[in-house]
Amino acid sequence: MQIDDILKQGQFKELDLFLTEEMNNYAGELVEKMIEIWESEKSARDWFYTPLLSLEGKRPYDYCREGKVDLVRSLLGRIEAGVFS
């Protein structure tokens, strides 16, 4: 079975839904800002689950789960302003 066959069967829809729900649960109001910056929910979700140097190699998801939502909000503000640090 090829990967395309698996994707066509929709076996990953539950994972997709779970990741989106987790993002909404932990990032809350930041989700709108992420979608605004990355112009799609998928791109925002990809960023949310990607380790970043600016977060010491952790994912924005990890920071939000640890209650550090303000640090992720600050990072989003810097990205929006064009300050990539």
C-alpha atoms as a PDB file:
ATOM      1  CA  MET A   1       0.000   0.000   0.000  1.00  0.00           C
ATOM      2  CA  GLN A   2       1.327   3.417  -1.001  1.00  0.00           C
ATOM      3  CA  ILE A   3       1.167   6.499   1.214  1.00  0.00           C
ATOM      4  CA  ASP A   4      -1.280   8.116  -1.209  1.00  0.00           C
ATOM      5  CA  ASP A   5      -3.621   5.167  -0.717  1.00  0.00           C
ATOM      6  CA  ILE A   6      -3.485   5.625   3.049  1.00  0.00           C
ATOM      7  CA  LEU A   7      -4.149   9.357   2.776  1.00  0.00           C
ATOM      8  CA  LYS A   8      -7.094   8.758   0.446  1.00  0.00           C
ATOM      9  CA  GLN A   9      -8.629   6.477   3.057  1.00  0.00           C
ATOM     10  CA  GLY A  10      -8.750   9.385   5.473  1.00  0.00           C
ATOM     11  CA  GLN A  11      -6.980   7.574   8.290  1.00  0.00           C
ATOM     12  CA  PHE A  12      -5.215  10.766   9.292  1.00  0.00           C
ATOM     13  CA  LYS A  13      -8.330  12.891   9.659  1.00  0.00           C
ATOM     14  CA  GLU A  14      -8.514  12.042  13.355  1.00  0.00           C
ATOM     15  CA  LEU A  15      -4.892  13.089  13.871  1.00  0.00           C
ATOM     16  CA  ASP A  16      -5.491  16.302  11.936  1.00  0.00           C
ATOM     17  CA  LEU A  17      -8.531  17.054  14.089  1.00  0.00           C
ATOM     18  CA  PHE A  18      -6.649  16.217  17.299  1.00  0.00           C
ATOM     19  CA  LEU A  19      -3.734  18.530  16.431  1.00  0.00           C
ATOM     20  CA  THR A  20      -6.110  21.361  15.589  1.00  0.00           C
ATOM     21  CA  GLU A  21      -8.026  20.873  18.850  1.00  0.00           C
ATOM     22  CA  GLU A  22      -4.799  20.823  20.855  1.00  0.00           C
ATOM     23  CA  MET A  23      -3.668  24.039  19.183  1.00  0.00           C
ATOM     24  CA  ASN A  24      -6.979  25.707  20.031  1.00  0.00           C
ATOM     25  CA  ASN A  25      -6.971  24.368  23.605  1.00  0.00           C
ATOM     26  CA  TYR A  26      -3.465  25.557  24.449  1.00  0.00           C
ATOM     27  CA  ALA A  27      -3.019  28.644  22.265  1.00  0.00           C
ATOM     28  CA  GLY A  28      -6.572  29.974  22.539  1.00  0.00           C
ATOM     29  CA  GLU A  29      -6.844  33.486  21.173  1.00  0.00           C
ATOM     30  CA  LEU A  30      -3.392  33.242  19.584  1.00  0.00           C
ATOM     31  CA  VAL A  31      -4.744  30.892  16.925  1.00  0.00           C
ATOM     32  CA  GLU A  32      -6.382  33.774  15.060  1.00  0.00           C
ATOM     33  CA  LYS A  33      -3.095  35.695  15.055  1.00  0.00           C
ATOM     34  CA  MET A  34      -1.188  32.619  13.829  1.00  0.00           C
ATOM     35  CA  ILE A  35      -3.661  32.096  10.985  1.00  0.00           C
ATOM     36  CA  GLU A  36      -3.454  35.798  10.109  1.00  0.00           C
ATOM     37  CA  ILE A  37       0.349  35.655   9.946  1.00  0.00           C
ATOM     38  CA  TRP A  38       0.622  32.344   8.069  1.00  0.00           C
ATOM     39  CA  GLU A  39      -2.550  32.821   6.012  1.00  0.00           C
ATOM     40  CA  SER A  40      -3.938  29.330   6.624  1.00  0.00           C
ATOM     41  CA  GLU A  41      -4.830  27.095   9.522  1.00  0.00           C
ATOM     42  CA  LYS A  42      -2.576  24.338   8.187  1.00  0.00           C
ATOM     43  CA  SER A  43       0.465  26.620   7.968  1.00  0.00           C
ATOM     44  CA  ALA A  44      -0.260  28.007  11.440  1.00  0.00           C
ATOM     45  CA  ARG A  45      -0.561  24.477  12.815  1.00  0.00           C
ATOM     46  CA  ASP A  46       2.689  23.426  11.127  1.00  0.00           C
ATOM     47  CA  TRP A  47       4.470  26.371  12.781  1.00  0.00           C
ATOM     48  CA  PHE A  48       2.859  25.624  16.156  1.00  0.00           C
ATOM     49  CA  TYR A  49       4.280  22.093  16.179  1.00  0.00           C
ATOM     50  CA  THR A  50       7.748  22.938  14.809  1.00  0.00           C
ATOM     51  CA  PRO A  51      10.779  23.311  17.120  1.00  0.00           C
ATOM     52  CA  LEU A  52      12.144  26.872  16.910  1.00  0.00           C
ATOM     53  CA  LEU A  53      15.572  28.239  17.747  1.00  0.00           C
ATOM     54  CA  SER A  54      13.925  31.335  19.184  1.00  0.00           C
ATOM     55  CA  LEU A  55      12.176  29.068  21.721  1.00  0.00           C
ATOM     56  CA  GLU A  56      15.324  27.185  22.723  1.00  0.00           C
ATOM     57  CA  GLY A  57      14.543  24.364  20.306  1.00  0.00           C
ATOM     58  CA  LYS A  58      11.055  23.848  21.702  1.00  0.00           C
ATOM     59  CA  ARG A  59       7.782  24.141  19.843  1.00  0.00           C
ATOM     60  CA  PRO A  60       5.266  26.923  20.456  1.00  0.00           C
ATOM     61  CA  TYR A  61       2.990  24.037  21.476  1.00  0.00           C
ATOM     62  CA  ASP A  62       5.404  23.089  24.273  1.00  0.00           C
ATOM     63  CA  TYR A  63       5.548  26.659  25.565  1.00  0.00           C
ATOM     64  CA  CYS A  64       1.765  26.977  25.569  1.00  0.00           C
ATOM     65  CA  ARG A  65       1.377  23.660  27.404  1.00  0.00           C
ATOM     66  CA  GLU A  66       3.835  24.937  30.024  1.00  0.00           C
ATOM     67  CA  GLY A  67       1.727  28.069  30.517  1.00  0.00           C
ATOM     68  CA  LYS A  68       4.160  30.330  28.654  1.00  0.00           C
ATOM     69  CA  VAL A  69       1.529  31.669  26.253  1.00  0.00           C
ATOM     70  CA  ASP A  70       2.823  35.232  26.727  1.00  0.00           C
ATOM     71  CA  LEU A  71       6.226  34.227  25.329  1.00  0.00           C
ATOM     72  CA  VAL A  72       4.559  32.753  22.240  1.00  0.00           C
ATOM     73  CA  ARG A  73       2.432  35.913  21.927  1.00  0.00           C
ATOM     74  CA  SER A  74       5.600  38.009  22.094  1.00  0.00           C
ATOM     75  CA  LEU A  75       7.267  35.868  19.438  1.00  0.00           C
ATOM     76  CA  LEU A  76       4.242  36.259  17.168  1.00  0.00           C
ATOM     77  CA  GLY A  77       4.435  40.018  17.644  1.00  0.00           C
ATOM     78  CA  ARG A  78       8.102  40.037  16.648  1.00  0.00           C
ATOM     79  CA  ILE A  79       7.396  37.882  13.592  1.00  0.00           C
ATOM     80  CA  GLU A  80       4.530  40.147  12.579  1.00  0.00           C
ATOM     81  CA  ALA A  81       6.802  43.189  12.945  1.00  0.00           C
ATOM     82  CA  GLY A  82       9.537  41.514  10.895  1.00  0.00           C
ATOM     83  CA  VAL A  83      11.913  41.006  13.820  1.00  0.00           C
ATOM     84  CA  PHE A  84      13.234  37.464  13.526  1.00  0.00           C
ATOM     85  CA  SER A  85      15.254  36.806  16.668  1.00  0.00           C
END
